Amino acid sequence: MSEDVSLVRISDHLQFSLNYFSQLFKQVTGETFISYTTTQRFERSKELLRDNRLKISEIANQVGYTDGSASC
């Protein structure tokens, strides 16, 4: 998930409006896009934290938090 996964980027790629994509995503998955991506980032972070060789900042970067001060 180190790629930029954002609502704007995906809706642009699919050529959907932000509102339409947001509504469709929630209808299909049952949760908001932000909630879904946050959950995915946390789950991946937990996996990566098991590897003691990685720094927290490296893990944060790998899951899409580019600011080292971001909480994860």
C-alpha atoms as a PDB file:
ATOM      1  CA  MET A   1       0.000   0.000   0.000  1.00  0.00           C
ATOM      2  CA  SER A   2       2.947   2.271  -0.493  1.00  0.00           C
ATOM      3  CA  GLU A   3       1.275   3.751  -3.566  1.00  0.00           C
ATOM      4  CA  ASP A   4      -0.771   6.901  -3.254  1.00  0.00           C
ATOM      5  CA  VAL A   5      -4.219   5.490  -2.634  1.00  0.00           C
ATOM      6  CA  SER A   6      -6.578   8.404  -2.377  1.00  0.00           C
ATOM      7  CA  LEU A   7     -10.216   9.058  -3.039  1.00  0.00           C
ATOM      8  CA  VAL A   8      -9.337  11.719  -5.614  1.00  0.00           C
ATOM      9  CA  ARG A   9      -6.793   9.576  -7.434  1.00  0.00           C
ATOM     10  CA  ILE A  10      -9.061   6.547  -7.708  1.00  0.00           C
ATOM     11  CA  SER A  11     -12.162   8.499  -8.712  1.00  0.00           C
ATOM     12  CA  ASP A  12     -10.101  10.339 -11.355  1.00  0.00           C
ATOM     13  CA  HIS A  13      -8.715   7.046 -12.643  1.00  0.00           C
ATOM     14  CA  LEU A  14     -12.218   5.591 -12.913  1.00  0.00           C
ATOM     15  CA  GLN A  15     -13.546   8.873 -14.316  1.00  0.00           C
ATOM     16  CA  PHE A  16     -16.195   9.076 -11.586  1.00  0.00           C
ATOM     17  CA  SER A  17     -17.118  12.125  -9.582  1.00  0.00           C
ATOM     18  CA  LEU A  18     -15.923  12.068  -5.961  1.00  0.00           C
ATOM     19  CA  ASN A  19     -19.471  11.929  -4.673  1.00  0.00           C
ATOM     20  CA  TYR A  20     -20.499   9.088  -6.980  1.00  0.00           C
ATOM     21  CA  PHE A  21     -17.416   7.027  -6.185  1.00  0.00           C
ATOM     22  CA  SER A  22     -17.859   7.595  -2.442  1.00  0.00           C
ATOM     23  CA  GLN A  23     -21.510   6.532  -2.553  1.00  0.00           C
ATOM     24  CA  LEU A  24     -20.777   3.511  -4.740  1.00  0.00           C
ATOM     25  CA  PHE A  25     -17.876   2.411  -2.539  1.00  0.00           C
ATOM     26  CA  LYS A  26     -20.026   2.575   0.594  1.00  0.00           C
ATOM     27  CA  GLN A  27     -22.891   0.772  -1.126  1.00  0.00           C
ATOM     28  CA  VAL A  28     -20.626  -2.084  -2.224  1.00  0.00           C
ATOM     29  CA  THR A  29     -18.382  -2.413   0.854  1.00  0.00           C
ATOM     30  CA  GLY A  30     -20.643  -1.155   3.626  1.00  0.00           C
ATOM     31  CA  GLU A  31     -18.043   1.331   4.837  1.00  0.00           C
ATOM     32  CA  THR A  32     -16.590   4.639   3.768  1.00  0.00           C
ATOM     33  CA  PHE A  33     -13.468   4.775   1.632  1.00  0.00           C
ATOM     34  CA  ILE A  34     -11.536   6.527   4.417  1.00  0.00           C
ATOM     35  CA  SER A  35     -12.580   3.945   6.998  1.00  0.00           C
ATOM     36  CA  TYR A  36     -11.637   1.101   4.662  1.00  0.00           C
ATOM     37  CA  THR A  37      -8.194   2.480   3.788  1.00  0.00           C
ATOM     38  CA  THR A  38      -7.437   3.308   7.422  1.00  0.00           C
ATOM     39  CA  THR A  39      -8.309  -0.239   8.471  1.00  0.00           C
ATOM     40  CA  GLN A  40      -6.149  -1.675   5.703  1.00  0.00           C
ATOM     41  CA  ARG A  41      -3.207   0.543   6.701  1.00  0.00           C
ATOM     42  CA  PHE A  42      -3.507  -0.478  10.356  1.00  0.00           C
ATOM     43  CA  GLU A  43      -3.705  -4.174   9.504  1.00  0.00           C
ATOM     44  CA  ARG A  44      -0.625  -3.937   7.267  1.00  0.00           C
ATOM     45  CA  SER A  45       1.174  -1.907   9.955  1.00  0.00           C
ATOM     46  CA  LYS A  46       0.515  -4.636  12.513  1.00  0.00           C
ATOM     47  CA  GLU A  47       2.022  -7.214  10.152  1.00  0.00           C
ATOM     48  CA  LEU A  48       5.098  -5.075   9.526  1.00  0.00           C
ATOM     49  CA  LEU A  49       5.594  -4.323  13.238  1.00  0.00           C
ATOM     50  CA  ARG A  50       6.307  -8.010  13.788  1.00  0.00           C
ATOM     51  CA  ASP A  51       9.572  -7.482  11.893  1.00  0.00           C
ATOM     52  CA  ASN A  52      11.860  -5.912  14.486  1.00  0.00           C
ATOM     53  CA  ARG A  53      14.283  -4.756  11.797  1.00  0.00           C
ATOM     54  CA  LEU A  54      11.936  -2.065  10.471  1.00  0.00           C
ATOM     55  CA  LYS A  55      11.733   1.413  11.946  1.00  0.00           C
ATOM     56  CA  ILE A  56       8.319   2.878  12.709  1.00  0.00           C
ATOM     57  CA  SER A  57       8.945   5.610  10.129  1.00  0.00           C
ATOM     58  CA  GLU A  58       9.675   2.953   7.476  1.00  0.00           C
ATOM     59  CA  ILE A  59       6.467   1.133   8.306  1.00  0.00           C
ATOM     60  CA  ALA A  60       4.468   4.359   8.221  1.00  0.00           C
ATOM     61  CA  ASN A  61       5.913   5.175   4.820  1.00  0.00           C
ATOM     62  CA  GLN A  62       5.170   1.692   3.481  1.00  0.00           C
ATOM     63  CA  VAL A  63       1.517   1.897   4.454  1.00  0.00           C
ATOM     64  CA  GLY A  64       0.995   5.351   3.014  1.00  0.00           C
ATOM     65  CA  TYR A  65       1.742   7.784   5.825  1.00  0.00           C
ATOM     66  CA  THR A  66       4.476   9.961   4.373  1.00  0.00           C
ATOM     67  CA  ASP A  67       4.751  12.377   7.301  1.00  0.00           C
ATOM     68  CA  GLY A  68       6.908  10.787   9.991  1.00  0.00           C
ATOM     69  CA  SER A  69       4.821  12.431  12.699  1.00  0.00           C
ATOM     70  CA  ALA A  70       1.616  10.685  11.525  1.00  0.00           C
ATOM     71  CA  SER A  71       0.082   8.480  14.146  1.00  0.00           C
ATOM     72  CA  CYS A  72      -0.382   4.860  13.210  1.00  0.00           C
END
